[in-house]
């Protein structure tokens, strides 16, 4: 079993995270901890110059919405809240997940992925990119 799992989630596609979350819960067993992280894209500062206060309000709103949705995901599990964490970050999903995996002592990454389509031959582009660059075990759980 793993002690500390990092799980990137897309709170705007909750069905993609459902099965992967249950898998992560099984992997941590009775003692491990799961960190749900939602990475939101950075606002394009060059396009929105002069709207700094609007950008801050928008980022705060998105961050709050992400936290609310991740709390809903947490309620699906029979794991005490003390063993579940949430975090919202802004940036490139691959870069943020890889940075967290290197600096915060995670044992594994669990990520959900949809069935392959025409543009993604085997995995979703984010799952594939994280899998390719991760230095720790990374499990991809497909939606059924």
N, C-alpha and C. Protein backbone atom coordinates (compact mmCIF):
# COMPACT_ATOMS: atom_id res chain seq x y z
N UNK A 1 0.84 -1.19 0.00
CA UNK A 1 0.00 0.00 0.00
C UNK A 1 0.89 1.26 0.00
N UNK A 2 0.32 2.32 -0.48
CA UNK A 2 1.04 3.59 -0.56
C UNK A 2 0.66 4.48 0.62
N UNK A 3 1.61 5.31 1.05
CA UNK A 3 1.35 6.20 2.17
C UNK A 3 0.84 7.56 1.74
N UNK A 4 1.25 7.99 0.56
CA UNK A 4 0.90 9.35 0.13
C UNK A 4 0.71 9.37 -1.39
N UNK A 5 -0.56 9.57 -1.81
CA UNK A 5 -0.89 9.57 -3.24
C UNK A 5 -1.31 10.97 -3.68
N UNK A 6 -0.80 11.37 -4.82
CA UNK A 6 -1.17 12.63 -5.46
C UNK A 6 -2.16 12.30 -6.57
N UNK A 7 -3.30 12.98 -6.55
CA UNK A 7 -4.31 12.70 -7.55
C UNK A 7 -4.81 13.97 -8.21
N UNK A 8 -4.36 14.23 -9.45
CA UNK A 8 -4.89 15.37 -10.18
C UNK A 8 -6.34 15.08 -10.59
N UNK A 9 -7.21 16.06 -10.41
CA UNK A 9 -8.61 15.89 -10.79
C UNK A 9 -9.05 17.08 -11.62
N UNK A 10 -9.98 16.82 -12.51
CA UNK A 10 -10.62 17.89 -13.27
C UNK A 10 -12.02 18.03 -12.70
N UNK A 11 -12.24 19.04 -11.91
CA UNK A 11 -13.52 19.18 -11.22
C UNK A 11 -14.66 19.52 -12.18
N UNK A 12 -14.33 19.83 -13.41
CA UNK A 12 -15.36 20.11 -14.39
C UNK A 12 -15.70 18.87 -15.22
N UNK A 13 -15.02 17.78 -14.93
CA UNK A 13 -15.33 16.47 -15.51
C UNK A 13 -15.26 15.45 -14.38
N UNK A 14 -16.20 15.55 -13.45
CA UNK A 14 -16.18 14.74 -12.24
C UNK A 14 -16.24 13.24 -12.54
N UNK A 15 -16.96 12.84 -13.60
CA UNK A 15 -17.07 11.41 -13.91
C UNK A 15 -15.72 10.80 -14.24
N UNK A 16 -14.80 11.60 -14.72
CA UNK A 16 -13.46 11.13 -15.05
C UNK A 16 -12.67 10.79 -13.79
N UNK A 17 -12.96 11.46 -12.68
CA UNK A 17 -12.22 11.28 -11.45
C UNK A 17 -12.81 10.21 -10.54
N UNK A 18 -14.08 9.88 -10.73
CA UNK A 18 -14.79 8.98 -9.82
C UNK A 18 -14.10 7.63 -9.66
N UNK A 19 -13.87 6.92 -10.73
CA UNK A 19 -13.27 5.60 -10.68
C UNK A 19 -11.82 5.68 -10.19
N UNK A 20 -11.08 6.67 -10.65
CA UNK A 20 -9.69 6.84 -10.24
C UNK A 20 -9.60 7.13 -8.74
N UNK A 21 -10.53 7.91 -8.23
CA UNK A 21 -10.54 8.24 -6.80
C UNK A 21 -10.76 6.99 -5.96
N UNK A 22 -11.68 6.15 -6.37
CA UNK A 22 -11.93 4.90 -5.65
C UNK A 22 -10.70 3.99 -5.70
N UNK A 23 -10.01 4.00 -6.82
CA UNK A 23 -8.79 3.21 -6.94
C UNK A 23 -7.71 3.75 -6.00
N UNK A 24 -7.56 5.06 -5.95
CA UNK A 24 -6.58 5.67 -5.05
C UNK A 24 -6.91 5.35 -3.59
N UNK A 25 -8.18 5.37 -3.25
CA UNK A 25 -8.60 5.05 -1.87
C UNK A 25 -8.22 3.62 -1.52
N UNK A 26 -8.39 2.71 -2.46
CA UNK A 26 -8.00 1.32 -2.23
C UNK A 26 -6.48 1.21 -2.06
N UNK A 27 -5.72 1.97 -2.84
CA UNK A 27 -4.26 1.91 -2.77
C UNK A 27 -3.69 2.45 -1.46
N UNK A 28 -4.35 3.41 -0.83
CA UNK A 28 -3.81 3.96 0.42
C UNK A 28 -4.22 3.13 1.63
N UNK A 29 -5.20 2.26 1.46
CA UNK A 29 -5.59 1.37 2.55
C UNK A 29 -6.09 2.13 3.78
N UNK A 30 -5.72 1.62 4.93
CA UNK A 30 -6.22 2.15 6.21
C UNK A 30 -5.42 3.32 6.77
N UNK A 31 -4.23 3.58 6.21
CA UNK A 31 -3.38 4.59 6.84
C UNK A 31 -2.88 5.70 5.91
N UNK A 32 -2.96 5.49 4.62
CA UNK A 32 -2.39 6.45 3.69
C UNK A 32 -3.22 7.70 3.52
N UNK A 33 -2.67 8.64 2.80
CA UNK A 33 -3.35 9.92 2.56
C UNK A 33 -3.39 10.23 1.07
N UNK A 34 -4.44 10.93 0.67
CA UNK A 34 -4.64 11.31 -0.73
C UNK A 34 -4.72 12.83 -0.81
N UNK A 35 -4.01 13.39 -1.75
CA UNK A 35 -4.12 14.83 -2.04
C UNK A 35 -4.77 14.98 -3.40
N UNK A 36 -5.95 15.60 -3.42
CA UNK A 36 -6.62 15.94 -4.67
C UNK A 36 -6.12 17.31 -5.09
N UNK A 37 -5.69 17.43 -6.32
CA UNK A 37 -5.22 18.73 -6.80
C UNK A 37 -5.89 19.05 -8.13
N UNK A 38 -6.43 20.24 -8.21
CA UNK A 38 -7.01 20.73 -9.45
C UNK A 38 -6.12 21.85 -9.96
N UNK A 39 -5.62 21.69 -11.17
CA UNK A 39 -4.75 22.70 -11.76
C UNK A 39 -5.56 23.48 -12.79
N UNK A 40 -5.68 24.76 -12.55
CA UNK A 40 -6.42 25.65 -13.45
C UNK A 40 -5.43 26.41 -14.32
N UNK A 41 -5.81 26.74 -15.54
CA UNK A 41 -4.89 27.49 -16.41
C UNK A 41 -4.67 28.90 -15.90
N UNK A 42 -3.46 29.39 -16.13
CA UNK A 42 -3.16 30.78 -15.80
C UNK A 42 -3.96 31.69 -16.72
N UNK A 43 -4.44 32.80 -16.18
CA UNK A 43 -5.09 33.79 -17.02
C UNK A 43 -4.03 34.44 -17.91
N UNK A 44 -4.38 34.71 -19.13
CA UNK A 44 -3.43 35.32 -20.04
C UNK A 44 -3.27 36.80 -19.69
N UNK A 45 -2.21 37.09 -19.00
CA UNK A 45 -1.98 38.45 -18.52
C UNK A 45 -1.80 39.45 -19.68
N UNK A 46 -1.21 39.02 -20.76
CA UNK A 46 -0.99 39.95 -21.87
C UNK A 46 -2.31 40.35 -22.52
N UNK A 47 -3.27 39.44 -22.58
CA UNK A 47 -4.56 39.76 -23.18
C UNK A 47 -5.45 40.58 -22.24
N UNK A 48 -5.24 40.40 -20.95
CA UNK A 48 -6.13 41.03 -19.97
C UNK A 48 -5.46 42.18 -19.21
N UNK A 49 -4.43 42.75 -19.79
CA UNK A 49 -3.74 43.86 -19.16
C UNK A 49 -4.74 44.99 -18.85
N UNK A 50 -4.67 45.52 -17.68
CA UNK A 50 -5.60 46.57 -17.28
C UNK A 50 -6.81 46.02 -16.54
N UNK A 51 -6.92 44.72 -16.46
CA UNK A 51 -8.04 44.08 -15.76
C UNK A 51 -7.55 43.25 -14.58
N UNK A 52 -6.50 43.71 -13.92
CA UNK A 52 -5.87 42.94 -12.85
C UNK A 52 -6.85 42.57 -11.74
N UNK A 53 -7.70 43.50 -11.35
CA UNK A 53 -8.65 43.18 -10.28
C UNK A 53 -9.66 42.14 -10.74
N UNK A 54 -10.05 42.19 -12.01
CA UNK A 54 -10.96 41.19 -12.55
C UNK A 54 -10.31 39.81 -12.59
N UNK A 55 -9.03 39.77 -12.95
CA UNK A 55 -8.30 38.50 -12.99
C UNK A 55 -8.25 37.90 -11.58
N UNK A 56 -7.95 38.73 -10.59
CA UNK A 56 -7.88 38.24 -9.21
C UNK A 56 -9.23 37.72 -8.75
N UNK A 57 -10.30 38.42 -9.09
CA UNK A 57 -11.65 37.97 -8.71
C UNK A 57 -11.98 36.66 -9.41
N UNK A 58 -11.66 36.56 -10.69
CA UNK A 58 -11.94 35.35 -11.45
C UNK A 58 -11.16 34.16 -10.89
N UNK A 59 -9.87 34.37 -10.61
CA UNK A 59 -9.05 33.29 -10.05
C UNK A 59 -9.56 32.86 -8.68
N UNK A 60 -9.98 33.82 -7.86
CA UNK A 60 -10.53 33.49 -6.54
C UNK A 60 -11.83 32.70 -6.69
N UNK A 61 -12.68 33.11 -7.62
CA UNK A 61 -13.94 32.40 -7.87
C UNK A 61 -13.66 30.97 -8.32
N UNK A 62 -12.77 30.80 -9.29
CA UNK A 62 -12.45 29.47 -9.81
C UNK A 62 -11.82 28.59 -8.73
N UNK A 63 -10.97 29.17 -7.93
CA UNK A 63 -10.34 28.44 -6.84
C UNK A 63 -11.38 27.95 -5.84
N UNK A 64 -12.30 28.83 -5.48
CA UNK A 64 -13.37 28.48 -4.55
C UNK A 64 -14.27 27.38 -5.12
N UNK A 65 -14.65 27.50 -6.39
CA UNK A 65 -15.47 26.47 -7.05
C UNK A 65 -14.76 25.13 -7.06
N UNK A 66 -13.47 25.15 -7.33
CA UNK A 66 -12.69 23.91 -7.34
C UNK A 66 -12.68 23.25 -5.98
N UNK A 67 -12.48 24.04 -4.93
CA UNK A 67 -12.48 23.50 -3.57
C UNK A 67 -13.83 22.86 -3.23
N UNK A 68 -14.91 23.53 -3.59
CA UNK A 68 -16.26 23.00 -3.31
C UNK A 68 -16.45 21.66 -4.00
N UNK A 69 -16.05 21.57 -5.27
CA UNK A 69 -16.24 20.34 -6.02
C UNK A 69 -15.33 19.22 -5.51
N UNK A 70 -14.13 19.57 -5.09
CA UNK A 70 -13.24 18.53 -4.54
C UNK A 70 -13.77 18.02 -3.20
N UNK A 71 -14.39 18.89 -2.41
CA UNK A 71 -15.01 18.45 -1.15
C UNK A 71 -16.12 17.45 -1.44
N UNK A 72 -16.88 17.67 -2.52
CA UNK A 72 -17.92 16.70 -2.91
C UNK A 72 -17.30 15.35 -3.26
N UNK A 73 -16.19 15.38 -3.97
CA UNK A 73 -15.50 14.14 -4.31
C UNK A 73 -15.05 13.41 -3.04
N UNK A 74 -14.55 14.16 -2.07
CA UNK A 74 -14.07 13.56 -0.84
C UNK A 74 -15.18 12.84 -0.08
N UNK A 75 -16.39 13.34 -0.18
CA UNK A 75 -17.51 12.73 0.54
C UNK A 75 -17.88 11.36 -0.01
N UNK A 76 -17.42 11.03 -1.20
CA UNK A 76 -17.71 9.73 -1.79
C UNK A 76 -16.90 8.61 -1.14
N UNK A 77 -15.90 8.97 -0.36
CA UNK A 77 -14.98 7.98 0.20
C UNK A 77 -15.24 7.72 1.67
N UNK A 78 -14.86 6.54 2.11
CA UNK A 78 -14.93 6.19 3.52
C UNK A 78 -13.56 6.39 4.16
N UNK A 79 -12.97 7.52 3.89
CA UNK A 79 -11.66 7.86 4.44
C UNK A 79 -11.84 9.09 5.32
N UNK A 80 -11.27 9.08 6.53
CA UNK A 80 -11.40 10.26 7.40
C UNK A 80 -10.83 11.52 6.73
N UNK A 81 -11.46 12.63 6.98
CA UNK A 81 -11.03 13.91 6.38
C UNK A 81 -9.58 14.24 6.72
N UNK A 82 -9.10 13.75 7.84
CA UNK A 82 -7.71 14.03 8.25
C UNK A 82 -6.70 13.37 7.29
N UNK A 83 -7.15 12.42 6.48
CA UNK A 83 -6.27 11.75 5.53
C UNK A 83 -6.49 12.20 4.09
N UNK A 84 -7.30 13.24 3.92
CA UNK A 84 -7.58 13.79 2.60
C UNK A 84 -7.22 15.26 2.56
N UNK A 85 -6.53 15.67 1.52
CA UNK A 85 -6.19 17.08 1.33
C UNK A 85 -6.65 17.53 -0.04
N UNK A 86 -6.88 18.81 -0.17
CA UNK A 86 -7.18 19.38 -1.48
C UNK A 86 -6.25 20.56 -1.72
N UNK A 87 -5.96 20.79 -2.97
CA UNK A 87 -5.13 21.93 -3.33
C UNK A 87 -5.53 22.40 -4.72
N UNK A 88 -5.56 23.70 -4.89
CA UNK A 88 -5.82 24.30 -6.20
C UNK A 88 -4.57 25.06 -6.60
N UNK A 89 -4.14 24.81 -7.82
CA UNK A 89 -2.96 25.51 -8.34
C UNK A 89 -3.31 26.10 -9.70
N UNK A 90 -2.52 27.06 -10.11
CA UNK A 90 -2.67 27.67 -11.43
C UNK A 90 -1.39 27.42 -12.22
N UNK A 91 -1.55 27.01 -13.46
CA UNK A 91 -0.40 26.76 -14.31
C UNK A 91 -0.66 25.64 -15.29
N UNK A 92 0.41 25.02 -15.74
CA UNK A 92 0.34 23.88 -16.65
C UNK A 92 0.18 22.62 -15.82
N UNK A 93 -0.81 21.79 -16.15
CA UNK A 93 -1.11 20.64 -15.31
C UNK A 93 0.10 19.71 -15.15
N UNK A 94 0.77 19.40 -16.25
CA UNK A 94 1.92 18.51 -16.15
C UNK A 94 3.01 19.10 -15.26
N UNK A 95 3.35 20.35 -15.48
CA UNK A 95 4.42 20.98 -14.71
C UNK A 95 4.09 21.04 -13.23
N UNK A 96 2.84 21.38 -12.89
CA UNK A 96 2.45 21.48 -11.49
C UNK A 96 2.44 20.12 -10.80
N UNK A 97 1.92 19.10 -11.47
CA UNK A 97 1.87 17.76 -10.88
C UNK A 97 3.27 17.20 -10.71
N UNK A 98 4.12 17.35 -11.70
CA UNK A 98 5.50 16.85 -11.60
C UNK A 98 6.24 17.58 -10.48
N UNK A 99 6.07 18.89 -10.38
CA UNK A 99 6.74 19.65 -9.31
C UNK A 99 6.27 19.18 -7.94
N UNK A 100 4.97 19.00 -7.77
CA UNK A 100 4.46 18.52 -6.49
C UNK A 100 5.00 17.13 -6.18
N UNK A 101 5.04 16.26 -7.18
CA UNK A 101 5.50 14.89 -6.95
C UNK A 101 6.96 14.84 -6.53
N UNK A 102 7.74 15.81 -6.96
CA UNK A 102 9.16 15.83 -6.62
C UNK A 102 9.45 16.47 -5.27
N UNK A 103 8.61 17.41 -4.86
CA UNK A 103 8.95 18.20 -3.68
C UNK A 103 8.15 17.88 -2.43
N UNK A 104 7.07 17.11 -2.55
CA UNK A 104 6.21 16.92 -1.38
C UNK A 104 6.13 15.48 -0.90
N UNK A 105 7.05 14.64 -1.33
CA UNK A 105 7.17 13.29 -0.79
C UNK A 105 6.06 12.32 -1.14
N UNK A 106 5.50 12.41 -2.32
CA UNK A 106 4.45 11.48 -2.73
C UNK A 106 5.06 10.15 -3.16
N UNK A 107 4.31 9.06 -2.93
CA UNK A 107 4.75 7.72 -3.32
C UNK A 107 4.25 7.36 -4.71
N UNK A 108 3.13 7.95 -5.12
CA UNK A 108 2.53 7.59 -6.41
C UNK A 108 1.57 8.68 -6.87
N UNK A 109 1.29 8.64 -8.17
CA UNK A 109 0.29 9.52 -8.78
C UNK A 109 -0.79 8.61 -9.35
N UNK A 110 -2.05 8.96 -9.12
CA UNK A 110 -3.17 8.25 -9.73
C UNK A 110 -3.96 9.28 -10.52
N UNK A 111 -4.18 9.00 -11.80
CA UNK A 111 -4.87 9.96 -12.65
C UNK A 111 -5.93 9.25 -13.49
N UNK A 112 -7.07 9.88 -13.63
CA UNK A 112 -8.13 9.34 -14.46
C UNK A 112 -7.91 9.72 -15.91
N UNK A 113 -8.38 8.86 -16.81
CA UNK A 113 -8.27 9.15 -18.23
C UNK A 113 -9.48 8.58 -18.95
N UNK A 114 -9.89 9.25 -19.97
CA UNK A 114 -11.03 8.74 -20.75
C UNK A 114 -10.55 7.74 -21.78
N UNK A 115 -11.50 7.05 -22.38
CA UNK A 115 -11.15 6.11 -23.44
C UNK A 115 -10.52 6.86 -24.59
N UNK A 116 -9.59 6.23 -25.29
CA UNK A 116 -8.89 6.94 -26.36
C UNK A 116 -9.83 7.35 -27.49
N UNK A 117 -9.51 8.48 -28.08
CA UNK A 117 -10.28 8.98 -29.22
C UNK A 117 -9.35 9.17 -30.41
N UNK A 118 -9.82 9.90 -31.40
CA UNK A 118 -9.04 10.12 -32.60
C UNK A 118 -7.76 10.91 -32.37
N UNK A 119 -7.79 11.86 -31.44
CA UNK A 119 -6.60 12.69 -31.24
C UNK A 119 -5.69 12.17 -30.15
N UNK A 120 -6.20 11.34 -29.26
CA UNK A 120 -5.37 10.77 -28.21
C UNK A 120 -5.38 9.26 -28.41
N UNK A 121 -4.33 8.72 -28.91
CA UNK A 121 -4.29 7.32 -29.34
C UNK A 121 -4.42 6.33 -28.19
N UNK A 122 -3.73 6.56 -27.08
CA UNK A 122 -3.77 5.62 -25.97
C UNK A 122 -4.32 6.23 -24.69
N UNK A 123 -3.92 7.46 -24.41
CA UNK A 123 -4.31 8.13 -23.17
C UNK A 123 -4.73 9.55 -23.48
N UNK A 124 -5.40 10.19 -22.53
CA UNK A 124 -5.65 11.61 -22.65
C UNK A 124 -4.32 12.35 -22.66
N UNK A 125 -4.27 13.52 -23.25
CA UNK A 125 -2.99 14.22 -23.39
C UNK A 125 -2.36 14.58 -22.05
N UNK A 126 -3.17 14.98 -21.05
CA UNK A 126 -2.60 15.29 -19.74
C UNK A 126 -2.07 14.04 -19.05
N UNK A 127 -2.83 12.96 -19.08
CA UNK A 127 -2.39 11.71 -18.46
C UNK A 127 -1.10 11.22 -19.13
N UNK A 128 -1.06 11.28 -20.44
CA UNK A 128 0.13 10.83 -21.17
C UNK A 128 1.35 11.65 -20.81
N UNK A 129 1.17 12.95 -20.73
CA UNK A 129 2.29 13.85 -20.43
C UNK A 129 2.80 13.64 -19.00
N UNK A 130 1.90 13.48 -18.06
CA UNK A 130 2.31 13.24 -16.67
C UNK A 130 3.01 11.89 -16.58
N UNK A 131 2.45 10.87 -17.20
CA UNK A 131 3.04 9.53 -17.19
C UNK A 131 4.46 9.55 -17.76
N UNK A 132 4.64 10.29 -18.83
CA UNK A 132 5.95 10.36 -19.50
C UNK A 132 7.01 11.05 -18.63
N UNK A 133 6.63 12.05 -17.84
CA UNK A 133 7.61 12.85 -17.10
C UNK A 133 7.71 12.52 -15.61
N UNK A 134 6.83 11.71 -15.09
CA UNK A 134 6.84 11.42 -13.65
C UNK A 134 8.03 10.55 -13.26
N UNK A 135 8.58 10.83 -12.09
CA UNK A 135 9.70 10.05 -11.57
C UNK A 135 9.23 9.05 -10.51
N UNK A 136 7.93 9.02 -10.22
CA UNK A 136 7.38 8.08 -9.25
C UNK A 136 6.32 7.24 -9.95
N UNK A 137 5.93 6.09 -9.35
CA UNK A 137 4.91 5.26 -9.99
C UNK A 137 3.66 6.08 -10.30
N UNK A 138 3.15 5.91 -11.51
CA UNK A 138 1.97 6.64 -11.96
C UNK A 138 0.99 5.66 -12.56
N UNK A 139 -0.22 5.66 -12.00
CA UNK A 139 -1.27 4.76 -12.47
C UNK A 139 -2.35 5.55 -13.18
N UNK A 140 -2.71 5.10 -14.34
CA UNK A 140 -3.78 5.73 -15.10
C UNK A 140 -4.99 4.81 -15.03
N UNK A 141 -6.12 5.37 -14.56
CA UNK A 141 -7.35 4.60 -14.41
C UNK A 141 -8.34 5.12 -15.44
N UNK A 142 -8.75 4.26 -16.32
CA UNK A 142 -9.69 4.66 -17.36
C UNK A 142 -11.11 4.66 -16.83
N UNK A 143 -11.91 5.59 -17.36
CA UNK A 143 -13.35 5.56 -17.06
C UNK A 143 -13.92 4.35 -17.79
N UNK A 144 -15.01 3.79 -17.24
CA UNK A 144 -15.55 2.60 -17.91
C UNK A 144 -16.70 2.92 -18.80
